[in-house]
Amino acid sequence: MRILCLLMLVGLACCVGRVSGGEIGEAVDDFALHDFRGKTHALADLSDSKLVAVAFIGIECPLAKLYAPRLQQLHEEFRDQGVAFLAIDSNRQDTLVELAGYARRHGVQFPLLKDPRNGVADKFGAIRTPEVFVLDGERKIRYRGRIDDQYGVGLSSGYVRPKIGRRDLAVAIEELLAGKEVSQPLQEATGCFIGRVPSIEPHGDVTYSRQIARILQDRCVSCHRPGEVAPFPLQDYEEVAGWGETIREVVEQRRMPPWSADPRYGDFHNASRLSDEELALISQWVENGCPQGDPAELPTPRQFVEGWQIEKPDQVIYMADEAFDVPAEGTVEYQYFTVDPGWTEDKWIQATESRPGNRSVVHHIIVYVQPPGSRSASVFQLDSVGGYAPGEGADEYPEGIAAFVEAGSKLIFELHYTPNGSPQQDRSYIGLNFADPDTVRKQLIGDAAFNISFSIPPGAASHKVTARKRLRQDALLLSLVPHMHVRGKSFRFEATYPDGRKEVLLDVPRYDFNWQFSYRFRDPKLIPAGTVLNCTARFDNSEENPANPDPSKSVTWGDQSWEEMMIGFFNWASADEDLLSDK
C-alpha cells in the first residue's frame, strides 16, 4: 500500500510539473491571502501561535465537504492551547462566493482564504484536497497528510469507516504541544487534485470545444449537472479545466464513469465505459494544459429529461409522511420504511422509477414488495419492485412483460444514506406505471442465488463464497445484480448449460459497494431448462481494504454494511409462457 501511495505522488509530480516542496522540516515563508470577505490574513500575523494547521480544501471536493465540520471541531479543541487553523482554497474553479457558502454551510469559523493562482499551494507543495500541514513555532513543516482515517478514496471509489481509527492530525498536534517529535509525520492524503492554473501555455489539437465537451456530454453530464447526484457540474470550460487532473486520474483508473463489468462478457444496454480512444483524448488534453479551443466548435448542449424518465406515473408513493434527518457526518445504517400503497386489487407493474428526495445524501434505494400476511425477517427474501443508485435510470420492462403484485401488499423502502458534511433531510419516493392485464404475456420473476452460511476469516484478502440456482424451465434472462457489502472484492455469474458447456454471463473483477448496478442485457438471453447459474464472490477482509470496518474479526451474514451478504439477484421470464393465450 505504501509503495502504491508513493507511485501516485510521483505520477502527480510528473503531471503538474512545478509542484515541489512540502518536505518535513522545511520552513514555509510568510504569505498573505484574502478571505471571502476581503480581509487580508498573513502567516506572520500568527506569531503568537505555537502551531499553525494549514488545510488545503476545495468547495466541491466530497472529502473536503465531509471534513469541514471535523476541522472546525479540531479548531475548537486546540484553539485555547495556542494552535491556529487556516483553510486555503487554491482551485481555479472555486469563487469567493462559493467559499462563503462553504463556510456558512459547514459552520467553519476560522479563516478561509483564497489562493487565486495557487502560489501558496505551490509553496507548500500541496497536492490534494483536503491535505493538512502543521507548522511549528519556527514555521517548519512537522506533519503533512490526512486529517484522520475515517474517510478516503481507494482504488475503486470513496470509503467510509464506521468510526475513526487514528486521529492523525490531532495526534500530531498533541505530540508537538508536548515537545515530542511527530510519530507519523507523513500520512497519505487522498481526495481531489488541486485545480491549478496550468504551468504551460495550453496548446494542441485536442481541445475542450472540439472533443472533450462531447465526451463529457455523452458519458458524464447526465450525473455531473446541477440537481443531480455528482458533486460538481461538468458543463462549463473553466469548471472542467479546474478538474482536469482529477478527471484524468479517475478515468484512467476506471473509477469513472462507474461501470465495473469486464467488457469481454455480456452485452448490456446500460453500459457506461469510456473507449480507449476517449481515454487517450482526455489524457492528451490534460497533458497539453487543458486548451479551450474555439467556442464555435462546441456541441449543442445535450437536453435532459426533467422530472420523470418514465411516462407520468399512475401512482407516486413516498417512503414516509415525514422527512428523515441525515447527520452531517458518520455512518448511517440502513433505514427501512414500510408503506401501505392501498392496493385493494392485484397490480401488474410495467415501469418504476425510484427518486431520491435529496440526491446529495442518498446512496441507494431498493423498494421491496411485502405480500399480505408475510412475516419475512429479512428483505432479501422479498421481491424488489424498483430501486435507485447513482447512474441508474428507471426500470422499464420489455413489452408484454410485467411484475405481478398481489392485492393488499405493502412496500418496504430500504434507504442507504451517505452524509455530505452538513445536516440534510430526505423524503424519497417511487413512481409506478401499471400495465393493462390484457396486454401482459409474461410475468417478470425476481430470483436469486445466495449463500447465508459463510464466515470470512480475519485478515483474509480473497475469501471465496459460492452459490448456485438451477432454472427448471426455459427462461429469458433480463438482468443480473451482484450484491455484497464493503468487503466485497469481485463477483461472477457463470452459466453451466445442460450439455456441460459453460459461459461467463457477467464478471465484476473490482466490485464496488458504492455503485449498486443492475446489469441489463441488451436483448433477453435465452437460458435452457436445466441450466445452473453459478455465482462466485470473493471478499477482502484484510487491512489492505481501506473500507474494511475491522479486519481482526470474522464476518458473517447480516443486513448492515459492517456485516456481509452474498446474493446474485437476477430477473427473468418464462420463455414459453403466454398469459394471453390462456384467456
Foldseek 3Di string as FASTA:
>chain_A
DVVVLVVVVVVVCVQQVLADAQDFQAAFDKDWFAFLVRDIDIPVVLLQAQKEKEWEAELLWLVSLLCQLVVQVVCVVCVVVRYAYEYEAAFQLDDSVSRVVSCVQQVRDHTYGYDNQCPSCSSNSPWFPGKMFMAGSSRGTQAIADQFQQWAADLQGIFGFQDTDDRQVVQCVVQVSVVHRRPPRYDHHHIATRQHQGPDDQDDDLACQAPVLVLCQVFPQVQQDPPHQRSHHDNDLSVCSSRLVVVLVCLVSPNPPDDQWDVVFAAFPLDRHDDPVSSVSSVVCSSRRRHHPDNVSHDDHDDDDPDAPDPQFPDKFKQDPDWDKDAQAGFDWKDKGKFFPQFQAKFWFFKKWKFKQHSHWWLKKWKFKAAPPDPDPDRVVTHTPFMDHRSDGIDGDPWQETAIGGGPIMIMMITGTHHRNGMDIIIIMMGTHTDDVLRHFWYKDKDKWWDQPDKAAQADAWDKDKTKDFAQAKKFWFWKWWDKALQWAWKWKKKQAPVRDIGTNITRRGDDRSGGDIRGHPGGDIHHGGIMIMMMTIGGLRPVRSNQNHSNDMAGDDRTRNHIITMMMTMIIGPPTTVNVVD
